[in-house]
Amino acid sequence: MNFFENIKKSKEIKHICTISKENIQLSNNDHIPVNNDVLVLLVEAKNSHILEKYINDY
């Protein structure tokens, strides 16, 4: 499972939007980010270890 799929399935991390060179995708379900996109995520401090694990596993 890739990084984005982990984020998408997580209940603790919310994918707010994706910023790419061409545009901003506000929909968190319809757009699959690519390597150069920037993900805007919402993570509570108590859940930051979950995001850290996803990053380390990626």
PDB file of N, CA and C in Angstrom:
ATOM      1  N   MET A   1       0.851  -1.182   0.000  1.00  0.00           N
ATOM      2  CA  MET A   1       0.000   0.000   0.000  1.00  0.00           C
ATOM      3  C   MET A   1       0.897   1.246   0.000  1.00  0.00           C
ATOM      4  N   ASN A   2       0.552   2.205  -0.830  1.00  0.00           N
ATOM      5  CA  ASN A   2       1.397   3.392  -0.912  1.00  0.00           C
ATOM      6  C   ASN A   2       1.013   4.440   0.127  1.00  0.00           C
ATOM      7  N   PHE A   3       1.803   5.476   0.188  1.00  0.00           N
ATOM      8  CA  PHE A   3       1.635   6.526   1.187  1.00  0.00           C
ATOM      9  C   PHE A   3       0.233   7.145   1.141  1.00  0.00           C
ATOM     10  N   PHE A   4      -0.212   7.525  -0.058  1.00  0.00           N
ATOM     11  CA  PHE A   4      -1.517   8.172  -0.176  1.00  0.00           C
ATOM     12  C   PHE A   4      -2.654   7.247   0.229  1.00  0.00           C
ATOM     13  N   GLU A   5      -2.564   5.968  -0.116  1.00  0.00           N
ATOM     14  CA  GLU A   5      -3.612   5.021   0.261  1.00  0.00           C
ATOM     15  C   GLU A   5      -3.715   4.905   1.782  1.00  0.00           C
ATOM     16  N   ASN A   6      -2.572   4.924   2.469  1.00  0.00           N
ATOM     17  CA  ASN A   6      -2.586   4.904   3.940  1.00  0.00           C
ATOM     18  C   ASN A   6      -3.276   6.142   4.495  1.00  0.00           C
ATOM     19  N   ILE A   7      -2.968   7.300   3.944  1.00  0.00           N
ATOM     20  CA  ILE A   7      -3.595   8.552   4.385  1.00  0.00           C
ATOM     21  C   ILE A   7      -5.098   8.497   4.132  1.00  0.00           C
ATOM     22  N   LYS A   8      -5.480   8.045   2.952  1.00  0.00           N
ATOM     23  CA  LYS A   8      -6.876   8.015   2.550  1.00  0.00           C
ATOM     24  C   LYS A   8      -7.723   7.111   3.465  1.00  0.00           C
ATOM     25  N   LYS A   9      -7.138   6.010   3.907  1.00  0.00           N
ATOM     26  CA  LYS A   9      -7.868   5.058   4.743  1.00  0.00           C
ATOM     27  C   LYS A   9      -7.821   5.411   6.233  1.00  0.00           C
ATOM     28  N   SER A  10      -6.972   6.334   6.601  1.00  0.00           N
ATOM     29  CA  SER A  10      -6.794   6.674   8.010  1.00  0.00           C
ATOM     30  C   SER A  10      -7.972   7.481   8.555  1.00  0.00           C
ATOM     31  N   LYS A  11      -8.385   7.170   9.760  1.00  0.00           N
ATOM     32  CA  LYS A  11      -9.426   7.957  10.432  1.00  0.00           C
ATOM     33  C   LYS A  11      -8.804   9.103  11.235  1.00  0.00           C
ATOM     34  N   GLU A  12      -7.511   9.005  11.511  1.00  0.00           N
ATOM     35  CA  GLU A  12      -6.829   9.994  12.351  1.00  0.00           C
ATOM     36  C   GLU A  12      -6.206  11.135  11.545  1.00  0.00           C
ATOM     37  N   ILE A  13      -6.027  10.925  10.253  1.00  0.00           N
ATOM     38  CA  ILE A  13      -5.389  11.929   9.395  1.00  0.00           C
ATOM     39  C   ILE A  13      -6.363  12.305   8.300  1.00  0.00           C
ATOM     40  N   LYS A  14      -6.621  13.599   8.154  1.00  0.00           N
ATOM     41  CA  LYS A  14      -7.570  14.048   7.131  1.00  0.00           C
ATOM     42  C   LYS A  14      -6.811  14.739   6.004  1.00  0.00           C
ATOM     43  N   HIS A  15      -7.061  14.264   4.790  1.00  0.00           N
ATOM     44  CA  HIS A  15      -6.475  14.867   3.591  1.00  0.00           C
ATOM     45  C   HIS A  15      -7.383  16.017   3.169  1.00  0.00           C
ATOM     46  N   ILE A  16      -6.929  17.235   3.370  1.00  0.00           N
ATOM     47  CA  ILE A  16      -7.737  18.426   3.099  1.00  0.00           C
ATOM     48  C   ILE A  16      -7.746  18.752   1.609  1.00  0.00           C
ATOM     49  N   CYS A  17      -6.572  18.848   1.008  1.00  0.00           N
ATOM     50  CA  CYS A  17      -6.497  19.158  -0.424  1.00  0.00           C
ATOM     51  C   CYS A  17      -5.116  18.805  -0.954  1.00  0.00           C
ATOM     52  N   THR A  18      -4.983  18.878  -2.263  1.00  0.00           N
ATOM     53  CA  THR A  18      -3.715  18.609  -2.938  1.00  0.00           C
ATOM     54  C   THR A  18      -3.371  19.807  -3.821  1.00  0.00           C
ATOM     55  N   ILE A  19      -2.140  20.258  -3.701  1.00  0.00           N
ATOM     56  CA  ILE A  19      -1.664  21.377  -4.522  1.00  0.00           C
ATOM     57  C   ILE A  19      -0.687  20.823  -5.555  1.00  0.00           C
ATOM     58  N   SER A  20      -0.981  21.087  -6.825  1.00  0.00           N
ATOM     59  CA  SER A  20      -0.083  20.660  -7.897  1.00  0.00           C
ATOM     60  C   SER A  20       0.336  21.901  -8.685  1.00  0.00           C
ATOM     61  N   LYS A  21       1.177  21.713  -9.675  1.00  0.00           N
ATOM     62  CA  LYS A  21       1.644  22.855 -10.470  1.00  0.00           C
ATOM     63  C   LYS A  21       0.494  23.558 -11.173  1.00  0.00           C
ATOM     64  N   GLU A  22      -0.472  22.791 -11.632  1.00  0.00           N
ATOM     65  CA  GLU A  22      -1.555  23.372 -12.425  1.00  0.00           C
ATOM     66  C   GLU A  22      -2.712  23.932 -11.598  1.00  0.00           C
ATOM     67  N   ASN A  23      -3.019  23.284 -10.459  1.00  0.00           N
ATOM     68  CA  ASN A  23      -4.219  23.701  -9.734  1.00  0.00           C
ATOM     69  C   ASN A  23      -4.229  23.198  -8.297  1.00  0.00           C
ATOM     70  N   ILE A  24      -5.310  23.504  -7.603  1.00  0.00           N
ATOM     71  CA  ILE A  24      -5.548  23.015  -6.248  1.00  0.00           C
ATOM     72  C   ILE A  24      -6.771  22.111  -6.293  1.00  0.00           C
ATOM     73  N   GLN A  25      -6.619  20.890  -5.827  1.00  0.00           N
ATOM     74  CA  GLN A  25      -7.721  19.937  -5.780  1.00  0.00           C
ATOM     75  C   GLN A  25      -8.282  19.931  -4.364  1.00  0.00           C
ATOM     76  N   LEU A  26      -9.462  20.495  -4.179  1.00  0.00           N
ATOM     77  CA  LEU A  26     -10.059  20.527  -2.857  1.00  0.00           C
ATOM     78  C   LEU A  26     -10.742  19.217  -2.504  1.00  0.00           C
ATOM     79  N   SER A  27     -11.110  18.449  -3.500  1.00  0.00           N
ATOM     80  CA  SER A  27     -11.750  17.157  -3.256  1.00  0.00           C
ATOM     81  C   SER A  27     -10.708  16.169  -2.762  1.00  0.00           C
ATOM     82  N   ASN A  28     -10.997  15.522  -1.653  1.00  0.00           N
ATOM     83  CA  ASN A  28     -10.017  14.574  -1.133  1.00  0.00           C
ATOM     84  C   ASN A  28     -10.251  13.154  -1.622  1.00  0.00           C
ATOM     85  N   ASN A  29     -11.284  12.914  -2.431  1.00  0.00           N
ATOM     86  CA  ASN A  29     -11.570  11.562  -2.900  1.00  0.00           C
ATOM     87  C   ASN A  29     -11.286  11.353  -4.381  1.00  0.00           C
ATOM     88  N   ASP A  30     -11.425  12.386  -5.191  1.00  0.00           N
ATOM     89  CA  ASP A  30     -11.370  12.220  -6.641  1.00  0.00           C
ATOM     90  C   ASP A  30      -9.973  12.341  -7.233  1.00  0.00           C
ATOM     91  N   HIS A  31      -9.068  12.923  -6.518  1.00  0.00           N
ATOM     92  CA  HIS A  31      -7.742  13.212  -7.075  1.00  0.00           C
ATOM     93  C   HIS A  31      -6.682  12.349  -6.399  1.00  0.00           C
ATOM     94  N   ILE A  32      -5.888  11.654  -7.188  1.00  0.00           N
ATOM     95  CA  ILE A  32      -4.773  10.887  -6.647  1.00  0.00           C
ATOM     96  C   ILE A  32      -3.501  11.706  -6.862  1.00  0.00           C
ATOM     97  N   PRO A  33      -2.845  12.104  -5.793  1.00  0.00           N
ATOM     98  CA  PRO A  33      -1.646  12.928  -5.927  1.00  0.00           C
ATOM     99  C   PRO A  33      -0.526  12.202  -6.669  1.00  0.00           C
ATOM    100  N   VAL A  34       0.325  12.983  -7.306  1.00  0.00           N
ATOM    101  CA  VAL A  34       1.519  12.447  -7.949  1.00  0.00           C
ATOM    102  C   VAL A  34       2.742  12.917  -7.173  1.00  0.00           C
ATOM    103  N   ASN A  35       3.918  12.493  -7.598  1.00  0.00           N
ATOM    104  CA  ASN A  35       5.131  12.707  -6.807  1.00  0.00           C
ATOM    105  C   ASN A  35       5.426  14.155  -6.444  1.00  0.00           C
ATOM    106  N   ASN A  36       5.136  15.093  -7.316  1.00  0.00           N
ATOM    107  CA  ASN A  36       5.494  16.485  -7.046  1.00  0.00           C
ATOM    108  C   ASN A  36       4.366  17.290  -6.420  1.00  0.00           C
ATOM    109  N   ASP A  37       3.233  16.654  -6.144  1.00  0.00           N
ATOM    110  CA  ASP A  37       2.125  17.349  -5.497  1.00  0.00           C
ATOM    111  C   ASP A  37       2.409  17.541  -4.008  1.00  0.00           C
ATOM    112  N   VAL A  38       1.748  18.546  -3.449  1.00  0.00           N
ATOM    113  CA  VAL A  38       1.835  18.811  -2.014  1.00  0.00           C
ATOM    114  C   VAL A  38       0.501  18.439  -1.396  1.00  0.00           C
ATOM    115  N   LEU A  39       0.533  17.556  -0.396  1.00  0.00           N
ATOM    116  CA  LEU A  39      -0.681  17.192   0.316  1.00  0.00           C
ATOM    117  C   LEU A  39      -0.848  18.111   1.509  1.00  0.00           C
ATOM    118  N   VAL A  40      -2.057  18.606   1.713  1.00  0.00           N
ATOM    119  CA  VAL A  40      -2.372  19.385   2.899  1.00  0.00           C
ATOM    120  C   VAL A  40      -3.167  18.463   3.808  1.00  0.00           C
ATOM    121  N   LEU A  41      -2.601  18.174   4.977  1.00  0.00           N
ATOM    122  CA  LEU A  41      -3.183  17.211   5.894  1.00  0.00           C
ATOM    123  C   LEU A  41      -3.520  17.865   7.226  1.00  0.00           C
ATOM    124  N   LEU A  42      -4.505  17.311   7.896  1.00  0.00           N
ATOM    125  CA  LEU A  42      -4.875  17.750   9.234  1.00  0.00           C
ATOM    126  C   LEU A  42      -4.606  16.592  10.185  1.00  0.00           C
ATOM    127  N   VAL A  43      -3.675  16.805  11.132  1.00  0.00           N
ATOM    128  CA  VAL A  43      -3.288  15.757  12.069  1.00  0.00           C
ATOM    129  C   VAL A  43      -3.228  16.354  13.470  1.00  0.00           C
ATOM    130  N   GLU A  44      -3.932  15.757  14.408  1.00  0.00           N
ATOM    131  CA  GLU A  44      -3.832  16.202  15.796  1.00  0.00           C
ATOM    132  C   GLU A  44      -2.485  15.748  16.353  1.00  0.00           C
ATOM    133  N   ALA A  45      -1.946  16.521  17.285  1.00  0.00           N
ATOM    134  CA  ALA A  45      -0.635  16.206  17.860  1.00  0.00           C
ATOM    135  C   ALA A  45      -0.591  14.791  18.424  1.00  0.00           C
ATOM    136  N   LYS A  46      -1.686  14.353  19.034  1.00  0.00           N
ATOM    137  CA  LYS A  46      -1.702  13.011  19.634  1.00  0.00           C
ATOM    138  C   LYS A  46      -1.616  11.901  18.581  1.00  0.00           C
ATOM    139  N   ASN A  47      -1.884  12.219  17.321  1.00  0.00           N
ATOM    140  CA  ASN A  47      -1.831  11.223  16.249  1.00  0.00           C
ATOM    141  C   ASN A  47      -0.627  11.398  15.328  1.00  0.00           C
ATOM    142  N   SER A  48       0.263  12.294  15.669  1.00  0.00           N
ATOM    143  CA  SER A  48       1.395  12.580  14.784  1.00  0.00           C
ATOM    144  C   SER A  48       2.284  11.357  14.576  1.00  0.00           C
ATOM    145  N   HIS A  49       2.316  10.443  15.537  1.00  0.00           N
ATOM    146  CA  HIS A  49       3.132   9.237  15.391  1.00  0.00           C
ATOM    147  C   HIS A  49       2.620   8.355  14.246  1.00  0.00           C
ATOM    148  N   ILE A  50       1.319   8.426  13.955  1.00  0.00           N
ATOM    149  CA  ILE A  50       0.751   7.640  12.857  1.00  0.00           C
ATOM    150  C   ILE A  50       1.287   8.157  11.523  1.00  0.00           C
ATOM    151  N   LEU A  51       1.258   9.480  11.342  1.00  0.00           N
ATOM    152  CA  LEU A  51       1.798  10.079  10.122  1.00  0.00           C
ATOM    153  C   LEU A  51       3.294   9.799  10.007  1.00  0.00           C
ATOM    154  N   GLU A  52       4.008   9.887  11.113  1.00  0.00           N
ATOM    155  CA  GLU A  52       5.442   9.617  11.108  1.00  0.00           C
ATOM    156  C   GLU A  52       5.718   8.177  10.643  1.00  0.00           C
ATOM    157  N   LYS A  53       4.899   7.223  11.087  1.00  0.00           N
ATOM    158  CA  LYS A  53       5.071   5.841  10.653  1.00  0.00           C
ATOM    159  C   LYS A  53       4.815   5.706   9.154  1.00  0.00           C
ATOM    160  N   TYR A  54       3.767   6.357   8.643  1.00  0.00           N
ATOM    161  CA  TYR A  54       3.497   6.309   7.205  1.00  0.00           C
ATOM    162  C   TYR A  54       4.680   6.852   6.399  1.00  0.00           C
ATOM    163  N   ILE A  55       5.230   7.954   6.877  1.00  0.00           N
ATOM    164  CA  ILE A  55       6.367   8.575   6.179  1.00  0.00           C
ATOM    165  C   ILE A  55       7.576   7.641   6.211  1.00  0.00           C
ATOM    166  N   ASN A  56       7.845   7.063   7.373  1.00  0.00           N
ATOM    167  CA  ASN A  56       8.997   6.166   7.498  1.00  0.00           C
ATOM    168  C   ASN A  56       8.827   4.906   6.658  1.00  0.00           C
ATOM    169  N   ASP A  57       7.607   4.399   6.574  1.00  0.00           N
ATOM    170  CA  ASP A  57       7.346   3.201   5.776  1.00  0.00           C
ATOM    171  C   ASP A  57       7.411   3.478   4.287  1.00  0.00           C
ATOM    172  N   TYR A  58       7.172   4.747   3.902  1.00  0.00           N
ATOM    173  CA  TYR A  58       7.160   5.135   2.503  1.00  0.00           C
ATOM    174  C   TYR A  58       8.573   5.183   1.972  1.00  0.00           C
TER     175      TYR A  58
END
